[in-house]
Amino acid sequence: MVYIDYGNTNVTFHIRETSNLLELVEEVIEQTDISGEKVVFETDMGRVVGTTTLVETTGRDEIVYAKRKERNAYSRFVKHREAVPSQYIVVALNYIAGDYFL
């Protein structure tokens, strides 16, 4: 069984940001053999399913580093760029007490 950890701000943010995310996650999970303590997989959905802010950069881009809310490490950001269409979905599951949590 897979449950949603709404206490995880990262999960909650992505669900709010992508209205059909839970349907996409269900589609991916139905096609995937899940085993292990921490499961992370990236799936090409074969169609555009949303956008990503993970973009290629050049020497002309303005790069900044910032610590996101409730994170310990700094992340790399590029300023003045828009999100681009993506056909990939990444699902991360944690196995706790006999169940998986998104």
N, C-alpha and C. Protein backbone atom coordinates (compact mmCIF):
# COMPACT_ATOMS: atom_id res chain seq x y z
N MET A 1 0.85 -1.17 0.00
CA MET A 1 0.00 0.00 0.00
C MET A 1 0.90 1.24 0.00
N VAL A 2 0.48 2.27 -0.72
CA VAL A 2 1.22 3.54 -0.76
C VAL A 2 0.33 4.64 -0.20
N TYR A 3 0.89 5.38 0.75
CA TYR A 3 0.17 6.48 1.38
C TYR A 3 0.87 7.80 1.07
N ILE A 4 0.15 8.89 1.22
CA ILE A 4 0.72 10.22 1.03
C ILE A 4 1.07 10.81 2.38
N ASP A 5 2.30 11.27 2.52
CA ASP A 5 2.74 11.93 3.74
C ASP A 5 2.52 13.43 3.58
N TYR A 6 1.32 13.91 3.93
CA TYR A 6 1.00 15.33 3.77
C TYR A 6 1.81 16.21 4.71
N GLY A 7 2.46 15.62 5.70
CA GLY A 7 3.34 16.37 6.58
C GLY A 7 4.65 16.72 5.90
N ASN A 8 4.95 16.07 4.78
CA ASN A 8 6.15 16.35 4.00
C ASN A 8 5.86 17.56 3.12
N THR A 9 6.48 18.69 3.42
CA THR A 9 6.19 19.92 2.69
C THR A 9 6.54 19.82 1.22
N ASN A 10 7.54 19.02 0.87
CA ASN A 10 7.93 18.86 -0.52
C ASN A 10 6.81 18.16 -1.30
N VAL A 11 6.26 17.10 -0.74
CA VAL A 11 5.16 16.38 -1.38
C VAL A 11 3.95 17.29 -1.52
N THR A 12 3.60 17.97 -0.46
CA THR A 12 2.44 18.87 -0.47
C THR A 12 2.59 19.95 -1.52
N PHE A 13 3.79 20.54 -1.64
CA PHE A 13 4.06 21.58 -2.63
C PHE A 13 3.82 21.04 -4.04
N HIS A 14 4.36 19.87 -4.35
CA HIS A 14 4.23 19.33 -5.70
C HIS A 14 2.79 18.94 -6.02
N ILE A 15 2.05 18.45 -5.05
CA ILE A 15 0.64 18.12 -5.27
C ILE A 15 -0.14 19.39 -5.57
N ARG A 16 0.13 20.45 -4.83
CA ARG A 16 -0.55 21.73 -5.07
C ARG A 16 -0.18 22.30 -6.43
N GLU A 17 1.08 22.13 -6.82
CA GLU A 17 1.60 22.71 -8.06
C GLU A 17 1.08 21.98 -9.31
N THR A 18 0.84 20.68 -9.21
CA THR A 18 0.43 19.87 -10.36
C THR A 18 -0.86 19.14 -10.00
N SER A 19 -1.98 19.64 -10.52
CA SER A 19 -3.29 19.15 -10.09
C SER A 19 -3.51 17.67 -10.36
N ASN A 20 -2.91 17.11 -11.40
CA ASN A 20 -3.13 15.70 -11.72
C ASN A 20 -1.96 14.81 -11.26
N LEU A 21 -1.13 15.30 -10.37
CA LEU A 21 0.06 14.56 -9.95
C LEU A 21 -0.27 13.20 -9.35
N LEU A 22 -1.27 13.14 -8.51
CA LEU A 22 -1.60 11.86 -7.87
C LEU A 22 -2.06 10.82 -8.89
N GLU A 23 -2.76 11.24 -9.93
CA GLU A 23 -3.15 10.32 -11.00
C GLU A 23 -1.92 9.81 -11.73
N LEU A 24 -0.95 10.69 -11.98
CA LEU A 24 0.29 10.29 -12.65
C LEU A 24 1.09 9.32 -11.79
N VAL A 25 1.18 9.61 -10.50
CA VAL A 25 1.90 8.73 -9.57
C VAL A 25 1.24 7.35 -9.56
N GLU A 26 -0.07 7.31 -9.51
CA GLU A 26 -0.79 6.03 -9.51
C GLU A 26 -0.48 5.25 -10.80
N GLU A 27 -0.48 5.95 -11.93
CA GLU A 27 -0.17 5.31 -13.21
C GLU A 27 1.24 4.70 -13.20
N VAL A 28 2.20 5.43 -12.67
CA VAL A 28 3.58 4.96 -12.60
C VAL A 28 3.71 3.78 -11.65
N ILE A 29 3.12 3.88 -10.48
CA ILE A 29 3.24 2.82 -9.47
C ILE A 29 2.63 1.51 -9.98
N GLU A 30 1.53 1.60 -10.71
CA GLU A 30 0.89 0.39 -11.25
C GLU A 30 1.81 -0.35 -12.22
N GLN A 31 2.75 0.37 -12.86
CA GLN A 31 3.64 -0.23 -13.86
C GLN A 31 5.01 -0.60 -13.28
N THR A 32 5.23 -0.39 -11.99
CA THR A 32 6.56 -0.51 -11.42
C THR A 32 6.61 -1.57 -10.33
N ASP A 33 7.68 -2.36 -10.35
CA ASP A 33 7.93 -3.33 -9.29
C ASP A 33 8.61 -2.58 -8.15
N ILE A 34 7.95 -2.47 -7.02
CA ILE A 34 8.47 -1.68 -5.91
C ILE A 34 8.98 -2.60 -4.81
N SER A 35 10.24 -2.41 -4.44
CA SER A 35 10.80 -3.14 -3.31
C SER A 35 11.98 -2.35 -2.76
N GLY A 36 12.25 -2.51 -1.48
CA GLY A 36 13.37 -1.81 -0.86
C GLY A 36 12.90 -0.79 0.15
N GLU A 37 13.86 -0.27 0.91
CA GLU A 37 13.57 0.70 1.97
C GLU A 37 13.23 2.08 1.41
N LYS A 38 14.04 2.55 0.46
CA LYS A 38 13.81 3.84 -0.17
C LYS A 38 13.85 3.61 -1.67
N VAL A 39 12.75 3.91 -2.33
CA VAL A 39 12.62 3.65 -3.75
C VAL A 39 12.47 4.99 -4.47
N VAL A 40 13.35 5.24 -5.42
CA VAL A 40 13.27 6.46 -6.23
C VAL A 40 13.38 6.03 -7.69
N PHE A 41 12.43 6.44 -8.50
CA PHE A 41 12.51 6.10 -9.92
C PHE A 41 11.97 7.25 -10.77
N GLU A 42 12.59 7.41 -11.93
CA GLU A 42 12.21 8.43 -12.90
C GLU A 42 11.58 7.71 -14.08
N THR A 43 10.41 8.16 -14.51
CA THR A 43 9.69 7.50 -15.58
C THR A 43 9.37 8.48 -16.69
N ASP A 44 9.68 8.08 -17.92
CA ASP A 44 9.30 8.85 -19.10
C ASP A 44 7.86 8.46 -19.42
N MET A 45 6.95 9.40 -19.29
CA MET A 45 5.53 9.12 -19.48
C MET A 45 5.13 9.07 -20.95
N GLY A 46 6.04 9.47 -21.85
CA GLY A 46 5.75 9.43 -23.27
C GLY A 46 4.87 10.57 -23.75
N ARG A 47 4.60 11.49 -22.86
CA ARG A 47 3.78 12.67 -23.19
C ARG A 47 4.14 13.76 -22.19
N VAL A 48 3.86 14.99 -22.52
CA VAL A 48 4.12 16.09 -21.59
C VAL A 48 3.13 15.98 -20.44
N VAL A 49 3.67 15.95 -19.21
CA VAL A 49 2.83 15.79 -18.02
C VAL A 49 2.94 16.97 -17.06
N GLY A 50 3.78 17.93 -17.40
CA GLY A 50 3.96 19.09 -16.53
C GLY A 50 5.16 19.89 -16.98
N THR A 51 5.72 20.63 -16.05
CA THR A 51 6.90 21.44 -16.36
C THR A 51 8.00 21.14 -15.35
N THR A 52 9.20 21.53 -15.72
CA THR A 52 10.34 21.39 -14.82
C THR A 52 11.15 22.67 -14.81
N THR A 53 11.69 22.97 -13.66
CA THR A 53 12.59 24.12 -13.55
C THR A 53 14.04 23.67 -13.65
N LEU A 54 14.25 22.38 -13.90
CA LEU A 54 15.59 21.85 -14.11
C LEU A 54 15.94 22.11 -15.58
N VAL A 55 16.71 23.16 -15.82
CA VAL A 55 17.02 23.59 -17.18
C VAL A 55 18.53 23.64 -17.39
N GLU A 56 18.94 23.44 -18.64
CA GLU A 56 20.35 23.57 -18.97
C GLU A 56 20.73 25.04 -18.88
N THR A 57 21.96 25.29 -18.45
CA THR A 57 22.43 26.67 -18.31
C THR A 57 23.66 26.88 -19.19
N THR A 58 23.94 28.14 -19.45
CA THR A 58 25.13 28.53 -20.21
C THR A 58 25.90 29.55 -19.39
N GLY A 59 27.04 29.97 -19.90
CA GLY A 59 27.85 30.98 -19.23
C GLY A 59 27.16 32.32 -19.15
N ARG A 60 26.10 32.52 -19.91
CA ARG A 60 25.37 33.79 -19.90
C ARG A 60 24.28 33.84 -18.83
N ASP A 61 23.96 32.70 -18.24
CA ASP A 61 22.92 32.66 -17.21
C ASP A 61 23.45 33.18 -15.88
N GLU A 62 22.56 33.80 -15.11
CA GLU A 62 22.91 34.27 -13.77
C GLU A 62 22.51 33.17 -12.77
N ILE A 63 23.52 32.61 -12.11
CA ILE A 63 23.32 31.50 -11.18
C ILE A 63 23.43 32.01 -9.75
N VAL A 64 22.51 31.57 -8.89
CA VAL A 64 22.57 31.90 -7.47
C VAL A 64 22.38 30.61 -6.68
N TYR A 65 22.83 30.62 -5.45
CA TYR A 65 22.66 29.48 -4.55
C TYR A 65 21.84 29.94 -3.35
N ALA A 66 20.87 29.13 -2.98
CA ALA A 66 20.00 29.49 -1.86
C ALA A 66 19.60 28.22 -1.11
N LYS A 67 19.29 28.40 0.15
CA LYS A 67 18.82 27.28 0.96
C LYS A 67 17.30 27.35 0.99
N ARG A 68 16.66 26.30 0.46
CA ARG A 68 15.21 26.28 0.43
C ARG A 68 14.65 26.02 1.82
N LYS A 69 13.43 26.46 2.02
CA LYS A 69 12.75 26.30 3.30
C LYS A 69 12.75 24.83 3.72
N GLU A 70 13.11 24.59 4.97
CA GLU A 70 13.13 23.26 5.57
C GLU A 70 14.12 22.31 4.88
N ARG A 71 15.19 22.86 4.30
CA ARG A 71 16.25 22.06 3.70
C ARG A 71 17.56 22.40 4.37
N ASN A 72 18.50 21.47 4.39
CA ASN A 72 19.79 21.70 5.02
C ASN A 72 20.86 22.14 4.04
N ALA A 73 20.71 21.79 2.79
CA ALA A 73 21.75 22.08 1.80
C ALA A 73 21.31 23.21 0.87
N TYR A 74 22.30 23.85 0.28
CA TYR A 74 22.03 24.90 -0.71
C TYR A 74 21.71 24.26 -2.05
N SER A 75 20.84 24.92 -2.81
CA SER A 75 20.47 24.48 -4.15
C SER A 75 20.90 25.52 -5.16
N ARG A 76 21.17 25.08 -6.36
CA ARG A 76 21.60 25.96 -7.45
C ARG A 76 20.35 26.42 -8.21
N PHE A 77 20.24 27.72 -8.43
CA PHE A 77 19.11 28.30 -9.16
C PHE A 77 19.63 29.18 -10.28
N VAL A 78 18.90 29.22 -11.36
CA VAL A 78 19.22 30.13 -12.46
C VAL A 78 18.13 31.19 -12.49
N LYS A 79 18.55 32.44 -12.53
CA LYS A 79 17.59 33.55 -12.50
C LYS A 79 17.09 33.86 -13.91
N HIS A 80 15.86 34.36 -13.96
CA HIS A 80 15.25 34.87 -15.19
C HIS A 80 15.03 33.78 -16.25
N ARG A 81 14.70 32.57 -15.81
CA ARG A 81 14.39 31.49 -16.74
C ARG A 81 13.02 30.94 -16.38
N GLU A 82 12.32 30.47 -17.38
CA GLU A 82 10.99 29.90 -17.19
C GLU A 82 11.08 28.37 -17.13
N ALA A 83 10.10 27.77 -16.52
CA ALA A 83 10.00 26.31 -16.52
C ALA A 83 9.77 25.83 -17.95
N VAL A 84 10.20 24.61 -18.24
CA VAL A 84 10.04 24.04 -19.58
C VAL A 84 9.18 22.78 -19.49
N PRO A 85 8.49 22.43 -20.59
CA PRO A 85 7.65 21.23 -20.58
C PRO A 85 8.48 19.99 -20.28
N SER A 86 7.86 19.03 -19.57
CA SER A 86 8.55 17.79 -19.22
C SER A 86 7.63 16.60 -19.38
N GLN A 87 8.21 15.49 -19.82
CA GLN A 87 7.43 14.25 -19.92
C GLN A 87 7.88 13.23 -18.88
N TYR A 88 8.69 13.69 -17.91
CA TYR A 88 9.21 12.81 -16.87
C TYR A 88 8.52 13.06 -15.54
N ILE A 89 8.41 11.98 -14.76
CA ILE A 89 7.92 12.09 -13.39
C ILE A 89 8.90 11.30 -12.51
N VAL A 90 9.23 11.88 -11.38
CA VAL A 90 10.10 11.21 -10.41
C VAL A 90 9.25 10.88 -9.19
N VAL A 91 9.29 9.62 -8.78
CA VAL A 91 8.54 9.18 -7.61
C VAL A 91 9.53 8.68 -6.57
N ALA A 92 9.40 9.16 -5.35
CA ALA A 92 10.25 8.72 -4.23
C ALA A 92 9.35 8.16 -3.14
N LEU A 93 9.61 6.92 -2.76
CA LEU A 93 8.81 6.25 -1.74
C LEU A 93 9.71 5.80 -0.59
N ASN A 94 9.23 5.96 0.63
CA ASN A 94 9.93 5.48 1.81
C ASN A 94 9.12 4.36 2.44
N TYR A 95 9.79 3.27 2.79
CA TYR A 95 9.14 2.11 3.40
C TYR A 95 9.20 2.26 4.91
N ILE A 96 8.02 2.36 5.54
CA ILE A 96 7.95 2.53 6.99
C ILE A 96 6.88 1.59 7.54
N ALA A 97 7.27 0.73 8.44
CA ALA A 97 6.34 -0.16 9.16
C ALA A 97 5.39 -0.91 8.23
N GLY A 98 5.92 -1.43 7.13
CA GLY A 98 5.11 -2.27 6.26
C GLY A 98 4.38 -1.56 5.14
N ASP A 99 4.50 -0.25 5.05
CA ASP A 99 3.82 0.51 4.00
C ASP A 99 4.79 1.49 3.36
N TYR A 100 4.46 1.93 2.15
CA TYR A 100 5.25 2.95 1.46
C TYR A 100 4.56 4.30 1.58
N PHE A 101 5.38 5.33 1.74
CA PHE A 101 4.87 6.70 1.84
C PHE A 101 5.50 7.55 0.76
N LEU A 102 4.66 8.33 0.09
CA LEU A 102 5.09 9.25 -0.96
C LEU A 102 5.62 10.51 -0.32
